[in-house]
Amino acid sequence: MRDRLWYYLQNSKFKAGYLCELSKTASTCGNIYSFILALGSAGSVAAWAIWNEFPYVWASIVGISQILHVAKPHIPFLKNDKEYIELCFKYEFLYLKYEKLWCRYEKGTEDENFLETEFYELRDIEVNFLNNVRHVHVPNFKRLIEKVSQEVEKELSRTFC
């Protein structure tokens, strides 16, 4: 029981941190993407004035801008920033529940069967909220995973040592 509880405590903290960072990254990338689209739209209007002299410039700007407009809804990472932050908060909630359960387990004041029942209730909560966001793709960015892993490791060692 102790190992499982510790694993899920760490895992929920990691997922909360990763999803928070992922939300920030998706939001930033979405803003940059929108800026490029706006720049392309403005550029196509400006290039229209000189299209007789440089038709390929105008055609290229308009073509790329239209491809970006069509592609944006199909790039799941950019459109899921709100779902990532929502999942972040749900995992942070789970982490706090696991932390309380861990502390009660470590004190040894409660029956292990009762604690195990609570543990599985927390697992059910996670499965239920994950069922509601099955459409959300969570990419694996190695640098972000490493960064969050180190941060979680430091935080857990400060909190539980």
C-alpha atoms as a PDB file:
ATOM      1  CA  MET A   1       0.000   0.000   0.000  1.00  0.00           C
ATOM      2  CA  ARG A   2       2.777   2.421   0.921  1.00  0.00           C
ATOM      3  CA  ASP A   3       4.547   2.115  -2.453  1.00  0.00           C
ATOM      4  CA  ARG A   4       1.324   2.492  -4.444  1.00  0.00           C
ATOM      5  CA  LEU A   5       0.278   5.516  -2.448  1.00  0.00           C
ATOM      6  CA  TRP A   6       3.690   7.155  -2.881  1.00  0.00           C
ATOM      7  CA  TYR A   7       3.678   6.418  -6.622  1.00  0.00           C
ATOM      8  CA  TYR A   8       0.253   8.005  -7.174  1.00  0.00           C
ATOM      9  CA  LEU A   9       1.109  10.951  -4.945  1.00  0.00           C
ATOM     10  CA  GLN A  10       4.221  11.646  -7.050  1.00  0.00           C
ATOM     11  CA  ASN A  11       2.418  10.942 -10.310  1.00  0.00           C
ATOM     12  CA  SER A  12      -0.460  13.302  -9.559  1.00  0.00           C
ATOM     13  CA  LYS A  13       1.985  16.079  -8.608  1.00  0.00           C
ATOM     14  CA  PHE A  14       3.986  15.479 -11.788  1.00  0.00           C
ATOM     15  CA  LYS A  15       0.873  15.492 -13.982  1.00  0.00           C
ATOM     16  CA  ALA A  16      -0.391  18.695 -12.352  1.00  0.00           C
ATOM     17  CA  GLY A  17       2.930  20.420 -12.984  1.00  0.00           C
ATOM     18  CA  TYR A  18       3.321  19.070 -16.509  1.00  0.00           C
ATOM     19  CA  LEU A  19      -0.193  20.042 -17.549  1.00  0.00           C
ATOM     20  CA  CYS A  20       0.254  23.532 -16.107  1.00  0.00           C
ATOM     21  CA  GLU A  21       3.479  24.029 -18.069  1.00  0.00           C
ATOM     22  CA  LEU A  22       1.863  22.501 -21.149  1.00  0.00           C
ATOM     23  CA  SER A  23      -1.040  24.937 -20.864  1.00  0.00           C
ATOM     24  CA  LYS A  24       1.361  27.879 -20.699  1.00  0.00           C
ATOM     25  CA  THR A  25       3.305  26.573 -23.689  1.00  0.00           C
ATOM     26  CA  ALA A  26       0.144  25.918 -25.729  1.00  0.00           C
ATOM     27  CA  SER A  27      -1.189  29.369 -24.915  1.00  0.00           C
ATOM     28  CA  THR A  28       2.079  31.044 -25.923  1.00  0.00           C
ATOM     29  CA  CYS A  29       2.293  29.025 -29.154  1.00  0.00           C
ATOM     30  CA  GLY A  30      -1.349  29.832 -29.913  1.00  0.00           C
ATOM     31  CA  ASN A  31      -0.694  33.551 -29.451  1.00  0.00           C
ATOM     32  CA  ILE A  32       2.350  33.386 -31.727  1.00  0.00           C
ATOM     33  CA  TYR A  33       0.316  31.438 -34.293  1.00  0.00           C
ATOM     34  CA  SER A  34      -2.455  34.054 -34.164  1.00  0.00           C
ATOM     35  CA  PHE A  35       0.101  36.833 -34.546  1.00  0.00           C
ATOM     36  CA  ILE A  36       1.539  35.143 -37.637  1.00  0.00           C
ATOM     37  CA  LEU A  37      -1.978  34.777 -39.088  1.00  0.00           C
ATOM     38  CA  ALA A  38      -2.715  38.447 -38.433  1.00  0.00           C
ATOM     39  CA  LEU A  39       0.601  39.442 -39.941  1.00  0.00           C
ATOM     40  CA  GLY A  40      -0.138  37.257 -42.971  1.00  0.00           C
ATOM     41  CA  SER A  41      -3.552  38.861 -43.408  1.00  0.00           C
ATOM     42  CA  ALA A  42      -2.127  42.355 -43.112  1.00  0.00           C
ATOM     43  CA  GLY A  43       0.746  41.397 -45.385  1.00  0.00           C
ATOM     44  CA  SER A  44      -1.597  40.055 -48.036  1.00  0.00           C
ATOM     45  CA  VAL A  45      -3.497  43.345 -48.047  1.00  0.00           C
ATOM     46  CA  ALA A  46      -0.234  45.296 -48.311  1.00  0.00           C
ATOM     47  CA  ALA A  47       1.072  42.957 -51.006  1.00  0.00           C
ATOM     48  CA  TRP A  48      -2.152  43.456 -52.973  1.00  0.00           C
ATOM     49  CA  ALA A  49      -1.011  47.008 -53.687  1.00  0.00           C
ATOM     50  CA  ILE A  50       2.147  45.717 -55.351  1.00  0.00           C
ATOM     51  CA  TRP A  51       0.799  42.483 -56.820  1.00  0.00           C
ATOM     52  CA  ASN A  52       1.388  43.640 -60.405  1.00  0.00           C
ATOM     53  CA  GLU A  53       5.108  43.993 -59.765  1.00  0.00           C
ATOM     54  CA  PHE A  54       5.593  41.000 -57.445  1.00  0.00           C
ATOM     55  CA  PRO A  55       2.731  38.546 -58.010  1.00  0.00           C
ATOM     56  CA  TYR A  56       4.587  35.637 -56.385  1.00  0.00           C
ATOM     57  CA  VAL A  57       5.048  37.538 -53.133  1.00  0.00           C
ATOM     58  CA  TRP A  58       1.330  38.269 -52.903  1.00  0.00           C
ATOM     59  CA  ALA A  59       0.354  34.727 -53.916  1.00  0.00           C
ATOM     60  CA  SER A  60       2.799  33.217 -51.391  1.00  0.00           C
ATOM     61  CA  ILE A  61       1.596  35.354 -48.484  1.00  0.00           C
ATOM     62  CA  VAL A  62      -2.064  34.670 -49.241  1.00  0.00           C
ATOM     63  CA  GLY A  63      -1.463  30.956 -49.817  1.00  0.00           C
ATOM     64  CA  ILE A  64       0.500  30.429 -46.610  1.00  0.00           C
ATOM     65  CA  SER A  65      -1.980  32.477 -44.620  1.00  0.00           C
ATOM     66  CA  GLN A  66      -4.898  30.395 -45.929  1.00  0.00           C
ATOM     67  CA  ILE A  67      -3.115  27.118 -45.188  1.00  0.00           C
ATOM     68  CA  LEU A  68      -2.479  28.305 -41.620  1.00  0.00           C
ATOM     69  CA  HIS A  69      -6.141  29.305 -41.213  1.00  0.00           C
ATOM     70  CA  VAL A  70      -7.326  25.910 -42.409  1.00  0.00           C
ATOM     71  CA  ALA A  71      -4.758  23.993 -40.328  1.00  0.00           C
ATOM     72  CA  LYS A  72      -5.288  25.709 -36.955  1.00  0.00           C
ATOM     73  CA  PRO A  73      -8.410  23.775 -35.860  1.00  0.00           C
ATOM     74  CA  HIS A  74      -6.617  20.527 -36.648  1.00  0.00           C
ATOM     75  CA  ILE A  75      -3.608  21.195 -34.429  1.00  0.00           C
ATOM     76  CA  PRO A  76      -4.781  19.687 -31.120  1.00  0.00           C
ATOM     77  CA  PHE A  77      -1.957  21.095 -29.020  1.00  0.00           C
ATOM     78  CA  LEU A  78      -2.936  24.694 -29.784  1.00  0.00           C
ATOM     79  CA  LYS A  79      -6.623  24.318 -29.103  1.00  0.00           C
ATOM     80  CA  ASN A  80      -6.350  22.393 -25.818  1.00  0.00           C
ATOM     81  CA  ASP A  81      -4.677  24.965 -23.582  1.00  0.00           C
ATOM     82  CA  LYS A  82      -7.840  25.425 -21.497  1.00  0.00           C
ATOM     83  CA  GLU A  83      -8.311  21.675 -21.091  1.00  0.00           C
ATOM     84  CA  TYR A  84      -4.678  21.352 -19.975  1.00  0.00           C
ATOM     85  CA  ILE A  85      -5.099  23.924 -17.211  1.00  0.00           C
ATOM     86  CA  GLU A  86      -8.396  22.351 -16.139  1.00  0.00           C
ATOM     87  CA  LEU A  87      -6.677  18.971 -15.879  1.00  0.00           C
ATOM     88  CA  CYS A  88      -3.815  20.633 -14.000  1.00  0.00           C
ATOM     89  CA  PHE A  89      -6.202  21.833 -11.299  1.00  0.00           C
ATOM     90  CA  LYS A  90      -7.876  18.425 -11.085  1.00  0.00           C
ATOM     91  CA  TYR A  91      -4.529  16.701 -10.634  1.00  0.00           C
ATOM     92  CA  GLU A  92      -3.486  19.274  -8.045  1.00  0.00           C
ATOM     93  CA  PHE A  93      -6.706  18.482  -6.167  1.00  0.00           C
ATOM     94  CA  LEU A  94      -5.856  14.761  -6.364  1.00  0.00           C
ATOM     95  CA  TYR A  95      -2.331  15.453  -5.162  1.00  0.00           C
ATOM     96  CA  LEU A  96      -3.651  17.216  -2.067  1.00  0.00           C
ATOM     97  CA  LYS A  97      -5.963  14.284  -1.365  1.00  0.00           C
ATOM     98  CA  TYR A  98      -3.082  11.814  -1.798  1.00  0.00           C
ATOM     99  CA  GLU A  99      -0.895  13.975   0.452  1.00  0.00           C
ATOM    100  CA  LYS A 100      -3.502  13.898   3.230  1.00  0.00           C
ATOM    101  CA  LEU A 101      -3.908  10.152   2.772  1.00  0.00           C
ATOM    102  CA  TRP A 102      -0.121   9.721   2.872  1.00  0.00           C
ATOM    103  CA  CYS A 103       0.167  11.653   6.123  1.00  0.00           C
ATOM    104  CA  ARG A 104      -2.583   9.594   7.731  1.00  0.00           C
ATOM    105  CA  TYR A 105      -0.932   6.398   6.491  1.00  0.00           C
ATOM    106  CA  GLU A 106       2.465   7.446   7.863  1.00  0.00           C
ATOM    107  CA  LYS A 107       0.977   8.278  11.278  1.00  0.00           C
ATOM    108  CA  GLY A 108      -0.468   4.786  11.407  1.00  0.00           C
ATOM    109  CA  THR A 109      -3.541   5.958  13.285  1.00  0.00           C
ATOM    110  CA  GLU A 110      -6.096   4.592  10.834  1.00  0.00           C
ATOM    111  CA  ASP A 111      -6.986   1.120   9.685  1.00  0.00           C
ATOM    112  CA  GLU A 112      -5.175   0.130   6.481  1.00  0.00           C
ATOM    113  CA  ASN A 113      -8.386  -1.262   4.950  1.00  0.00           C
ATOM    114  CA  PHE A 114     -10.064   2.123   5.419  1.00  0.00           C
ATOM    115  CA  LEU A 115      -7.082   3.910   3.867  1.00  0.00           C
ATOM    116  CA  GLU A 116      -7.069   1.492   0.957  1.00  0.00           C
ATOM    117  CA  THR A 117     -10.762   2.186   0.357  1.00  0.00           C
ATOM    118  CA  GLU A 118     -10.001   5.913   0.240  1.00  0.00           C
ATOM    119  CA  PHE A 119      -7.065   5.251  -2.076  1.00  0.00           C
ATOM    120  CA  TYR A 120      -9.333   3.498  -4.579  1.00  0.00           C
ATOM    121  CA  GLU A 121     -11.892   6.280  -4.310  1.00  0.00           C
ATOM    122  CA  LEU A 122      -9.174   8.684  -5.429  1.00  0.00           C
ATOM    123  CA  ARG A 123      -8.290   6.388  -8.323  1.00  0.00           C
ATOM    124  CA  ASP A 124     -11.992   6.373  -9.308  1.00  0.00           C
ATOM    125  CA  ILE A 125     -12.056  10.180  -9.237  1.00  0.00           C
ATOM    126  CA  GLU A 126      -9.096  10.258 -11.625  1.00  0.00           C
ATOM    127  CA  VAL A 127     -10.649   7.738 -14.009  1.00  0.00           C
ATOM    128  CA  ASN A 128     -13.932   9.682 -14.017  1.00  0.00           C
ATOM    129  CA  PHE A 129     -12.408  13.033 -14.887  1.00  0.00           C
ATOM    130  CA  LEU A 130     -10.132  11.462 -17.489  1.00  0.00           C
ATOM    131  CA  ASN A 131     -13.180   9.917 -19.167  1.00  0.00           C
ATOM    132  CA  ASN A 132     -14.535  13.431 -19.671  1.00  0.00           C
ATOM    133  CA  VAL A 133     -11.410  14.599 -21.512  1.00  0.00           C
ATOM    134  CA  ARG A 134     -10.670  11.594 -23.715  1.00  0.00           C
ATOM    135  CA  HIS A 135     -10.606  13.905 -26.732  1.00  0.00           C
ATOM    136  CA  VAL A 136      -7.627  15.828 -25.323  1.00  0.00           C
ATOM    137  CA  HIS A 137      -4.243  14.744 -26.639  1.00  0.00           C
ATOM    138  CA  VAL A 138      -1.398  15.366 -24.202  1.00  0.00           C
ATOM    139  CA  PRO A 139       1.914  15.448 -26.081  1.00  0.00           C
ATOM    140  CA  ASN A 140       5.153  14.240 -24.539  1.00  0.00           C
ATOM    141  CA  PHE A 141       7.744  17.000 -24.686  1.00  0.00           C
ATOM    142  CA  LYS A 142      10.967  15.547 -23.296  1.00  0.00           C
ATOM    143  CA  ARG A 143      12.451  18.850 -22.112  1.00  0.00           C
ATOM    144  CA  LEU A 144       9.245  19.778 -20.349  1.00  0.00           C
ATOM    145  CA  ILE A 145       9.011  16.317 -18.784  1.00  0.00           C
ATOM    146  CA  GLU A 146      12.579  16.590 -17.490  1.00  0.00           C
ATOM    147  CA  LYS A 147      12.026  20.103 -16.159  1.00  0.00           C
ATOM    148  CA  VAL A 148       8.825  19.207 -14.329  1.00  0.00           C
ATOM    149  CA  SER A 149      10.306  15.936 -13.018  1.00  0.00           C
ATOM    150  CA  GLN A 150      13.175  17.838 -11.416  1.00  0.00           C
ATOM    151  CA  GLU A 151      10.846  20.442  -9.933  1.00  0.00           C
ATOM    152  CA  VAL A 152       8.532  17.773  -8.500  1.00  0.00           C
ATOM    153  CA  GLU A 153      11.443  15.807  -7.086  1.00  0.00           C
ATOM    154  CA  LYS A 154      12.748  18.929  -5.308  1.00  0.00           C
ATOM    155  CA  GLU A 155       9.332  19.885  -4.006  1.00  0.00           C
ATOM    156  CA  LEU A 156       8.531  16.403  -2.719  1.00  0.00           C
ATOM    157  CA  SER A 157      11.921  16.086  -1.027  1.00  0.00           C
ATOM    158  CA  ARG A 158      11.314  19.447   0.735  1.00  0.00           C
ATOM    159  CA  THR A 159       7.759  18.523   1.705  1.00  0.00           C
ATOM    160  CA  PHE A 160       8.283  14.963   2.902  1.00  0.00           C
ATOM    161  CA  CYS A 161      11.815  14.891   4.326  1.00  0.00           C
END
